[in-house]
Amino acid sequence: LAKFLSNKRCPAVVVEAMEVLGGMGYVEDTPLPLLYR
């Protein structure tokens, strides 16, 4: 149950965090692209 729910939420959380940084969140200078992949 934990594996199913947490992994369905993870990509959505990471992409929202990426969007908080705007364009910088999409740049490899930050950790967000690694986390998103």
PDB file of all heavy atoms in Angstrom:
ATOM      1  N   LEU A   1       0.826  -1.208   0.000  1.00  0.00           N
ATOM      2  CA  LEU A   1       0.000   0.000   0.000  1.00  0.00           C
ATOM      3  C   LEU A   1       0.860   1.259   0.000  1.00  0.00           C
ATOM      4  O   LEU A   1       0.582   2.221  -0.730  1.00  0.00           O
ATOM      5  CB  LEU A   1      -0.935  -0.014   1.207  1.00  0.00           C
ATOM      6  CG  LEU A   1      -2.070  -1.043   1.154  1.00  0.00           C
ATOM      7  CD1 LEU A   1      -2.678  -1.257   2.531  1.00  0.00           C
ATOM      8  CD2 LEU A   1      -3.144  -0.604   0.155  1.00  0.00           C
ATOM      9  N   ALA A   2       1.910   1.267   0.817  1.00  0.00           N
ATOM     10  CA  ALA A   2       2.790   2.435   0.886  1.00  0.00           C
ATOM     11  C   ALA A   2       3.521   2.642  -0.434  1.00  0.00           C
ATOM     12  O   ALA A   2       3.655   3.779  -0.911  1.00  0.00           O
ATOM     13  CB  ALA A   2       3.786   2.268   2.031  1.00  0.00           C
ATOM     14  N   LYS A   3       4.015   1.569  -1.009  1.00  0.00           N
ATOM     15  CA  LYS A   3       4.724   1.679  -2.294  1.00  0.00           C
ATOM     16  C   LYS A   3       3.805   2.252  -3.373  1.00  0.00           C
ATOM     17  O   LYS A   3       4.209   3.139  -4.142  1.00  0.00           O
ATOM     18  CB  LYS A   3       5.258   0.318  -2.729  1.00  0.00           C
ATOM     19  CG  LYS A   3       5.825   0.284  -4.149  1.00  0.00           C
ATOM     20  CD  LYS A   3       6.405  -1.066  -4.486  1.00  0.00           C
ATOM     21  CE  LYS A   3       6.516  -1.280  -5.994  1.00  0.00           C
ATOM     22  NZ  LYS A   3       7.243  -0.253  -6.720  1.00  0.00           N
ATOM     23  N   PHE A   4       2.581   1.781  -3.429  1.00  0.00           N
ATOM     24  CA  PHE A   4       1.667   2.232  -4.478  1.00  0.00           C
ATOM     25  C   PHE A   4       1.359   3.718  -4.346  1.00  0.00           C
ATOM     26  O   PHE A   4       1.563   4.500  -5.291  1.00  0.00           O
ATOM     27  CB  PHE A   4       0.367   1.419  -4.425  1.00  0.00           C
ATOM     28  CG  PHE A   4      -0.653   1.877  -5.440  1.00  0.00           C
ATOM     29  CD1 PHE A   4      -0.456   1.651  -6.793  1.00  0.00           C
ATOM     30  CD2 PHE A   4      -1.800   2.540  -5.036  1.00  0.00           C
ATOM     31  CE1 PHE A   4      -1.373   2.070  -7.735  1.00  0.00           C
ATOM     32  CE2 PHE A   4      -2.737   2.966  -5.965  1.00  0.00           C
ATOM     33  CZ  PHE A   4      -2.528   2.732  -7.323  1.00  0.00           C
ATOM     34  N   LEU A   5       0.905   4.143  -3.175  1.00  0.00           N
ATOM     35  CA  LEU A   5       0.461   5.523  -3.024  1.00  0.00           C
ATOM     36  C   LEU A   5       1.624   6.513  -3.106  1.00  0.00           C
ATOM     37  O   LEU A   5       1.553   7.517  -3.820  1.00  0.00           O
ATOM     38  CB  LEU A   5      -0.269   5.695  -1.683  1.00  0.00           C
ATOM     39  CG  LEU A   5      -0.766   7.113  -1.379  1.00  0.00           C
ATOM     40  CD1 LEU A   5      -1.793   7.561  -2.420  1.00  0.00           C
ATOM     41  CD2 LEU A   5      -1.350   7.196   0.021  1.00  0.00           C
ATOM     42  N   SER A   6       2.702   6.250  -2.399  1.00  0.00           N
ATOM     43  CA  SER A   6       3.797   7.226  -2.329  1.00  0.00           C
ATOM     44  C   SER A   6       4.447   7.428  -3.683  1.00  0.00           C
ATOM     45  O   SER A   6       4.851   8.546  -4.029  1.00  0.00           O
ATOM     46  CB  SER A   6       4.830   6.770  -1.297  1.00  0.00           C
ATOM     47  OG  SER A   6       4.260   6.721  -0.006  1.00  0.00           O
ATOM     48  N   ASN A   7       4.533   6.367  -4.475  1.00  0.00           N
ATOM     49  CA  ASN A   7       5.158   6.516  -5.787  1.00  0.00           C
ATOM     50  C   ASN A   7       4.234   7.162  -6.810  1.00  0.00           C
ATOM     51  O   ASN A   7       4.720   7.738  -7.785  1.00  0.00           O
ATOM     52  CB  ASN A   7       5.650   5.156  -6.280  1.00  0.00           C
ATOM     53  CG  ASN A   7       6.949   4.759  -5.614  1.00  0.00           C
ATOM     54  OD1 ASN A   7       7.971   5.397  -5.810  1.00  0.00           O
ATOM     55  ND2 ASN A   7       6.909   3.718  -4.796  1.00  0.00           N
ATOM     56  N   LYS A   8       2.940   7.081  -6.597  1.00  0.00           N
ATOM     57  CA  LYS A   8       2.034   7.809  -7.479  1.00  0.00           C
ATOM     58  C   LYS A   8       2.073   9.310  -7.178  1.00  0.00           C
ATOM     59  O   LYS A   8       1.891  10.135  -8.072  1.00  0.00           O
ATOM     60  CB  LYS A   8       0.604   7.281  -7.340  1.00  0.00           C
ATOM     61  CG  LYS A   8       0.405   5.875  -7.903  1.00  0.00           C
ATOM     62  CD  LYS A   8       0.817   5.812  -9.356  1.00  0.00           C
ATOM     63  CE  LYS A   8       0.653   4.405  -9.918  1.00  0.00           C
ATOM     64  NZ  LYS A   8       1.239   4.311 -11.295  1.00  0.00           N
ATOM     65  N   ARG A   9       2.331   9.673  -5.933  1.00  0.00           N
ATOM     66  CA  ARG A   9       2.379  11.081  -5.571  1.00  0.00           C
ATOM     67  C   ARG A   9       3.743  11.724  -5.851  1.00  0.00           C
ATOM     68  O   ARG A   9       3.835  12.933  -6.083  1.00  0.00           O
ATOM     69  CB  ARG A   9       2.047  11.240  -4.084  1.00  0.00           C
ATOM     70  CG  ARG A   9       0.629  10.891  -3.715  1.00  0.00           C
ATOM     71  CD  ARG A   9      -0.382  11.674  -4.562  1.00  0.00           C
ATOM     72  NE  ARG A   9      -0.124  13.103  -4.547  1.00  0.00           N
ATOM     73  CZ  ARG A   9      -0.398  13.934  -5.561  1.00  0.00           C
ATOM     74  NH1 ARG A   9      -0.903  13.477  -6.685  1.00  0.00           N
ATOM     75  NH2 ARG A   9      -0.148  15.218  -5.442  1.00  0.00           N
ATOM     76  N   CYS A  10       4.796  10.934  -5.833  1.00  0.00           N
ATOM     77  CA  CYS A  10       6.140  11.496  -5.930  1.00  0.00           C
ATOM     78  C   CYS A  10       6.375  12.336  -7.188  1.00  0.00           C
ATOM     79  O   CYS A  10       6.852  13.472  -7.081  1.00  0.00           O
ATOM     80  CB  CYS A  10       7.176  10.368  -5.820  1.00  0.00           C
ATOM     81  SG  CYS A  10       8.888  10.945  -5.834  1.00  0.00           S
ATOM     82  N   PRO A  11       6.084  11.848  -8.394  1.00  0.00           N
ATOM     83  CA  PRO A  11       6.338  12.692  -9.570  1.00  0.00           C
ATOM     84  C   PRO A  11       5.584  14.015  -9.535  1.00  0.00           C
ATOM     85  O   PRO A  11       6.121  15.050  -9.951  1.00  0.00           O
ATOM     86  CB  PRO A  11       5.876  11.816 -10.741  1.00  0.00           C
ATOM     87  CG  PRO A  11       5.982  10.412 -10.235  1.00  0.00           C
ATOM     88  CD  PRO A  11       5.610  10.504  -8.781  1.00  0.00           C
ATOM     89  N   ALA A  12       4.358  13.992  -9.043  1.00  0.00           N
ATOM     90  CA  ALA A  12       3.567  15.228  -8.982  1.00  0.00           C
ATOM     91  C   ALA A  12       4.196  16.227  -8.020  1.00  0.00           C
ATOM     92  O   ALA A  12       4.252  17.430  -8.293  1.00  0.00           O
ATOM     93  CB  ALA A  12       2.141  14.907  -8.559  1.00  0.00           C
ATOM     94  N   VAL A  13       4.690  15.749  -6.880  1.00  0.00           N
ATOM     95  CA  VAL A  13       5.323  16.646  -5.912  1.00  0.00           C
ATOM     96  C   VAL A  13       6.603  17.227  -6.485  1.00  0.00           C
ATOM     97  O   VAL A  13       6.872  18.435  -6.372  1.00  0.00           O
ATOM     98  CB  VAL A  13       5.608  15.891  -4.596  1.00  0.00           C
ATOM     99  CG1 VAL A  13       6.452  16.739  -3.654  1.00  0.00           C
ATOM    100  CG2 VAL A  13       4.292  15.508  -3.915  1.00  0.00           C
ATOM    101  N   VAL A  14       7.414  16.396  -7.107  1.00  0.00           N
ATOM    102  CA  VAL A  14       8.689  16.882  -7.640  1.00  0.00           C
ATOM    103  C   VAL A  14       8.476  17.896  -8.751  1.00  0.00           C
ATOM    104  O   VAL A  14       9.160  18.925  -8.812  1.00  0.00           O
ATOM    105  CB  VAL A  14       9.551  15.696  -8.131  1.00  0.00           C
ATOM    106  CG1 VAL A  14      10.804  16.204  -8.837  1.00  0.00           C
ATOM    107  CG2 VAL A  14       9.941  14.805  -6.957  1.00  0.00           C
ATOM    108  N   VAL A  15       7.516  17.663  -9.642  1.00  0.00           N
ATOM    109  CA  VAL A  15       7.310  18.609 -10.728  1.00  0.00           C
ATOM    110  C   VAL A  15       6.744  19.926 -10.215  1.00  0.00           C
ATOM    111  O   VAL A  15       7.071  21.005 -10.742  1.00  0.00           O
ATOM    112  CB  VAL A  15       6.408  18.008 -11.830  1.00  0.00           C
ATOM    113  CG1 VAL A  15       4.941  17.986 -11.438  1.00  0.00           C
ATOM    114  CG2 VAL A  15       6.605  18.751 -13.138  1.00  0.00           C
ATOM    115  N   GLU A  16       5.932  19.902  -9.171  1.00  0.00           N
ATOM    116  CA  GLU A  16       5.449  21.156  -8.580  1.00  0.00           C
ATOM    117  C   GLU A  16       6.605  21.923  -7.931  1.00  0.00           C
ATOM    118  O   GLU A  16       6.679  23.149  -8.034  1.00  0.00           O
ATOM    119  CB  GLU A  16       4.352  20.872  -7.556  1.00  0.00           C
ATOM    120  CG  GLU A  16       3.027  20.437  -8.149  1.00  0.00           C
ATOM    121  CD  GLU A  16       2.270  21.559  -8.856  1.00  0.00           C
ATOM    122  OE1 GLU A  16       2.718  22.735  -8.813  1.00  0.00           O
ATOM    123  OE2 GLU A  16       1.225  21.261  -9.466  1.00  0.00           O
ATOM    124  N   ALA A  17       7.495  21.203  -7.257  1.00  0.00           N
ATOM    125  CA  ALA A  17       8.662  21.861  -6.666  1.00  0.00           C
ATOM    126  C   ALA A  17       9.542  22.456  -7.755  1.00  0.00           C
ATOM    127  O   ALA A  17      10.095  23.558  -7.593  1.00  0.00           O
ATOM    128  CB  ALA A  17       9.450  20.852  -5.828  1.00  0.00           C
ATOM    129  N   MET A  18       9.689  21.738  -8.866  1.00  0.00           N
ATOM    130  CA  MET A  18      10.451  22.261  -9.994  1.00  0.00           C
ATOM    131  C   MET A  18       9.831  23.553 -10.511  1.00  0.00           C
ATOM    132  O   MET A  18      10.527  24.543 -10.805  1.00  0.00           O
ATOM    133  CB  MET A  18      10.494  21.214 -11.106  1.00  0.00           C
ATOM    134  CG  MET A  18      11.216  21.655 -12.367  1.00  0.00           C
ATOM    135  SD  MET A  18      11.112  20.405 -13.686  1.00  0.00           S
ATOM    136  CE  MET A  18      12.248  19.186 -13.047  1.00  0.00           C
ATOM    137  N   GLU A  19       8.516  23.574 -10.598  1.00  0.00           N
ATOM    138  CA  GLU A  19       7.816  24.747 -11.105  1.00  0.00           C
ATOM    139  C   GLU A  19       7.960  25.947 -10.171  1.00  0.00           C
ATOM    140  O   GLU A  19       7.948  27.096 -10.616  1.00  0.00           O
ATOM    141  CB  GLU A  19       6.338  24.412 -11.311  1.00  0.00           C
ATOM    142  CG  GLU A  19       5.562  25.467 -12.064  1.00  0.00           C
ATOM    143  CD  GLU A  19       4.147  25.029 -12.376  1.00  0.00           C
ATOM    144  OE1 GLU A  19       3.965  23.874 -12.797  1.00  0.00           O
ATOM    145  OE2 GLU A  19       3.222  25.850 -12.184  1.00  0.00           O
ATOM    146  N   VAL A  20       8.114  25.687  -8.873  1.00  0.00           N
ATOM    147  CA  VAL A  20       8.333  26.784  -7.925  1.00  0.00           C
ATOM    148  C   VAL A  20       9.568  27.590  -8.313  1.00  0.00           C
ATOM    149  O   VAL A  20       9.604  28.815  -8.200  1.00  0.00           O
ATOM    150  CB  VAL A  20       8.474  26.227  -6.492  1.00  0.00           C
ATOM    151  CG1 VAL A  20       9.019  27.287  -5.542  1.00  0.00           C
ATOM    152  CG2 VAL A  20       7.125  25.729  -5.986  1.00  0.00           C
ATOM    153  N   LEU A  21      10.605  26.902  -8.788  1.00  0.00           N
ATOM    154  CA  LEU A  21      11.832  27.584  -9.185  1.00  0.00           C
ATOM    155  C   LEU A  21      11.742  28.189 -10.577  1.00  0.00           C
ATOM    156  O   LEU A  21      12.690  28.858 -11.026  1.00  0.00           O
ATOM    157  CB  LEU A  21      13.019  26.618  -9.145  1.00  0.00           C
ATOM    158  CG  LEU A  21      13.728  26.437  -7.805  1.00  0.00           C
ATOM    159  CD1 LEU A  21      12.825  25.758  -6.775  1.00  0.00           C
ATOM    160  CD2 LEU A  21      15.017  25.645  -7.969  1.00  0.00           C
ATOM    161  N   GLY A  22      10.639  27.968 -11.272  1.00  0.00           N
ATOM    162  CA  GLY A  22      10.513  28.500 -12.616  1.00  0.00           C
ATOM    163  C   GLY A  22      11.535  27.864 -13.543  1.00  0.00           C
ATOM    164  O   GLY A  22      11.833  26.670 -13.454  1.00  0.00           O
ATOM    165  N   GLY A  23      12.093  28.670 -14.427  1.00  0.00           N
ATOM    166  CA  GLY A  23      13.060  28.155 -15.388  1.00  0.00           C
ATOM    167  C   GLY A  23      14.276  27.532 -14.740  1.00  0.00           C
ATOM    168  O   GLY A  23      14.844  26.567 -15.270  1.00  0.00           O
ATOM    169  N   MET A  24      14.688  28.064 -13.585  1.00  0.00           N
ATOM    170  CA  MET A  24      15.860  27.506 -12.914  1.00  0.00           C
ATOM    171  C   MET A  24      15.631  26.063 -12.489  1.00  0.00           C
ATOM    172  O   MET A  24      16.563  25.260 -12.449  1.00  0.00           O
ATOM    173  CB  MET A  24      16.227  28.344 -11.691  1.00  0.00           C
ATOM    174  CG  MET A  24      17.066  29.569 -12.007  1.00  0.00           C
ATOM    175  SD  MET A  24      18.591  29.181 -12.899  1.00  0.00           S
ATOM    176  CE  MET A  24      19.409  28.093 -11.735  1.00  0.00           C
ATOM    177  N   GLY A  25      14.399  25.710 -12.187  1.00  0.00           N
ATOM    178  CA  GLY A  25      14.115  24.343 -11.784  1.00  0.00           C
ATOM    179  C   GLY A  25      14.307  23.342 -12.900  1.00  0.00           C
ATOM    180  O   GLY A  25      14.467  22.150 -12.646  1.00  0.00           O
ATOM    181  N   TYR A  26      14.313  23.827 -14.144  1.00  0.00           N
ATOM    182  CA  TYR A  26      14.467  22.959 -15.311  1.00  0.00           C
ATOM    183  C   TYR A  26      15.924  22.855 -15.757  1.00  0.00           C
ATOM    184  O   TYR A  26      16.235  22.201 -16.745  1.00  0.00           O
ATOM    185  CB  TYR A  26      13.610  23.509 -16.454  1.00  0.00           C
ATOM    186  CG  TYR A  26      13.194  22.499 -17.482  1.00  0.00           C
ATOM    187  CD1 TYR A  26      12.329  21.463 -17.150  1.00  0.00           C
ATOM    188  CD2 TYR A  26      13.645  22.596 -18.793  1.00  0.00           C
ATOM    189  CE1 TYR A  26      11.941  20.529 -18.101  1.00  0.00           C
ATOM    190  CE2 TYR A  26      13.257  21.671 -19.753  1.00  0.00           C
ATOM    191  CZ  TYR A  26      12.410  20.641 -19.400  1.00  0.00           C
ATOM    192  OH  TYR A  26      12.014  19.719 -20.340  1.00  0.00           O
ATOM    193  N   VAL A  27      16.808  23.499 -15.012  1.00  0.00           N
ATOM    194  CA  VAL A  27      18.221  23.586 -15.383  1.00  0.00           C
ATOM    195  C   VAL A  27      19.044  22.678 -14.478  1.00  0.00           C
ATOM    196  O   VAL A  27      18.797  22.599 -13.271  1.00  0.00           O
ATOM    197  CB  VAL A  27      18.698  25.053 -15.287  1.00  0.00           C
ATOM    198  CG1 VAL A  27      20.195  25.164 -15.532  1.00  0.00           C
ATOM    199  CG2 VAL A  27      17.938  25.915 -16.286  1.00  0.00           C
ATOM    200  N   GLU A  28      20.048  22.008 -15.064  1.00  0.00           N
ATOM    201  CA  GLU A  28      20.858  21.048 -14.318  1.00  0.00           C
ATOM    202  C   GLU A  28      21.724  21.693 -13.238  1.00  0.00           C
ATOM    203  O   GLU A  28      22.343  20.983 -12.447  1.00  0.00           O
ATOM    204  CB  GLU A  28      21.745  20.252 -15.275  1.00  0.00           C
ATOM    205  CG  GLU A  28      20.992  19.395 -16.277  1.00  0.00           C
ATOM    206  CD  GLU A  28      20.397  18.136 -15.664  1.00  0.00           C
ATOM    207  OE1 GLU A  28      20.724  17.817 -14.510  1.00  0.00           O
ATOM    208  OE2 GLU A  28      19.603  17.460 -16.348  1.00  0.00           O
ATOM    209  N   ASP A  29      21.786  23.023 -13.175  1.00  0.00           N
ATOM    210  CA  ASP A  29      22.488  23.676 -12.067  1.00  0.00           C
ATOM    211  C   ASP A  29      21.809  23.385 -10.738  1.00  0.00           C
ATOM    212  O   ASP A  29      22.427  23.523  -9.676  1.00  0.00           O
ATOM    213  CB  ASP A  29      22.532  25.197 -12.272  1.00  0.00           C
ATOM    214  CG  ASP A  29      23.459  25.606 -13.406  1.00  0.00           C
ATOM    215  OD1 ASP A  29      24.269  24.766 -13.830  1.00  0.00           O
ATOM    216  OD2 ASP A  29      23.357  26.758 -13.864  1.00  0.00           O
ATOM    217  N   THR A  30      20.543  23.022 -10.770  1.00  0.00           N
ATOM    218  CA  THR A  30      19.802  22.673  -9.565  1.00  0.00           C
ATOM    219  C   THR A  30      19.609  21.147  -9.530  1.00  0.00           C
ATOM    220  O   THR A  30      19.739  20.469 -10.550  1.00  0.00           O
ATOM    221  CB  THR A  30      18.422  23.347  -9.543  1.00  0.00           C
ATOM    222  OG1 THR A  30      17.550  22.672 -10.475  1.00  0.00           O
ATOM    223  CG2 THR A  30      18.522  24.823  -9.928  1.00  0.00           C
ATOM    224  N   PRO A  31      19.262  20.587  -8.376  1.00  0.00           N
ATOM    225  CA  PRO A  31      19.022  19.133  -8.294  1.00  0.00           C
ATOM    226  C   PRO A  31      17.678  18.693  -8.856  1.00  0.00           C
ATOM    227  O   PRO A  31      17.434  17.489  -8.962  1.00  0.00           O
ATOM    228  CB  PRO A  31      19.068  18.853  -6.776  1.00  0.00           C
ATOM    229  CG  PRO A  31      19.616  20.079  -6.144  1.00  0.00           C
ATOM    230  CD  PRO A  31      19.273  21.206  -7.048  1.00  0.00           C
ATOM    231  N   LEU A  32      16.812  19.626  -9.232  1.00  0.00           N
ATOM    232  CA  LEU A  32      15.447  19.233  -9.601  1.00  0.00           C
ATOM    233  C   LEU A  32      15.378  18.316 -10.822  1.00  0.00           C
ATOM    234  O   LEU A  32      14.585  17.352 -10.833  1.00  0.00           O
ATOM    235  CB  LEU A  32      14.583  20.482  -9.809  1.00  0.00           C
ATOM    236  CG  LEU A  32      13.840  21.033  -8.576  1.00  0.00           C
ATOM    237  CD1 LEU A  32      12.942  19.969  -7.956  1.00  0.00           C
ATOM    238  CD2 LEU A  32      14.791  21.561  -7.539  1.00  0.00           C
ATOM    239  N   PRO A  33      16.154  18.536 -11.888  1.00  0.00           N
ATOM    240  CA  PRO A  33      16.083  17.589 -13.003  1.00  0.00           C
ATOM    241  C   PRO A  33      16.452  16.166 -12.604  1.00  0.00           C
ATOM    242  O   PRO A  33      15.802  15.207 -13.039  1.00  0.00           O
ATOM    243  CB  PRO A  33      17.070  18.176 -14.024  1.00  0.00           C
ATOM    244  CG  PRO A  33      17.043  19.640 -13.753  1.00  0.00           C
ATOM    245  CD  PRO A  33      16.945  19.737 -12.251  1.00  0.00           C
ATOM    246  N   LEU A  34      17.477  16.002 -11.778  1.00  0.00           N
ATOM    247  CA  LEU A  34      17.848  14.660 -11.308  1.00  0.00           C
ATOM    248  C   LEU A  34      16.699  14.032 -10.529  1.00  0.00           C
ATOM    249  O   LEU A  34      16.351  12.862 -10.737  1.00  0.00           O
ATOM    250  CB  LEU A  34      19.100  14.741 -10.441  1.00  0.00           C
ATOM    251  CG  LEU A  34      19.672  13.426  -9.895  1.00  0.00           C
ATOM    252  CD1 LEU A  34      21.175  13.561  -9.670  1.00  0.00           C
ATOM    253  CD2 LEU A  34      19.015  13.012  -8.582  1.00  0.00           C
ATOM    254  N   LEU A  35      16.098  14.804  -9.632  1.00  0.00           N
ATOM    255  CA  LEU A  35      14.993  14.290  -8.826  1.00  0.00           C
ATOM    256  C   LEU A  35      13.787  13.942  -9.706  1.00  0.00           C
ATOM    257  O   LEU A  35      13.100  12.945  -9.464  1.00  0.00           O
ATOM    258  CB  LEU A  35      14.604  15.312  -7.767  1.00  0.00           C
ATOM    259  CG  LEU A  35      15.681  15.642  -6.726  1.00  0.00           C
ATOM    260  CD1 LEU A  35      15.254  16.841  -5.880  1.00  0.00           C
ATOM    261  CD2 LEU A  35      15.975  14.444  -5.840  1.00  0.00           C
ATOM    262  N   TYR A  36      13.544  14.759 -10.724  1.00  0.00           N
ATOM    263  CA  TYR A  36      12.409  14.510 -11.609  1.00  0.00           C
ATOM    264  C   TYR A  36      12.612  13.235 -12.415  1.00  0.00           C
ATOM    265  O   TYR A  36      11.678  12.449 -12.596  1.00  0.00           O
ATOM    266  CB  TYR A  36      12.227  15.703 -12.548  1.00  0.00           C
ATOM    267  CG  TYR A  36      11.012  15.610 -13.437  1.00  0.00           C
ATOM    268  CD1 TYR A  36       9.730  15.583 -12.893  1.00  0.00           C
ATOM    269  CD2 TYR A  36      11.140  15.568 -14.818  1.00  0.00           C
ATOM    270  CE1 TYR A  36       8.612  15.503 -13.701  1.00  0.00           C
ATOM    271  CE2 TYR A  36      10.017  15.491 -15.642  1.00  0.00           C
ATOM    272  CZ  TYR A  36       8.760  15.456 -15.070  1.00  0.00           C
ATOM    273  OH  TYR A  36       7.646  15.380 -15.869  1.00  0.00           O
ATOM    274  N   ARG A  37      13.843  13.012 -12.890  1.00  0.00           N
ATOM    275  CA  ARG A  37      14.123  11.778 -13.627  1.00  0.00           C
ATOM    276  C   ARG A  37      14.001  10.553 -12.722  1.00  0.00           C
ATOM    277  O   ARG A  37      13.635   9.463 -13.175  1.00  0.00           O
ATOM    278  CB  ARG A  37      15.533  11.836 -14.232  1.00  0.00           C
ATOM    279  CG  ARG A  37      15.680  12.782 -15.395  1.00  0.00           C
ATOM    280  CD  ARG A  37      17.024  12.588 -16.090  1.00  0.00           C
ATOM    281  NE  ARG A  37      18.150  12.919 -15.238  1.00  0.00           N
ATOM    282  CZ  ARG A  37      18.718  14.111 -15.147  1.00  0.00           C
ATOM    283  NH1 ARG A  37      18.233  15.113 -15.890  1.00  0.00           N
ATOM    284  NH2 ARG A  37      19.747  14.335 -14.368  1.00  0.00           N
TER     285      ARG A  37
END
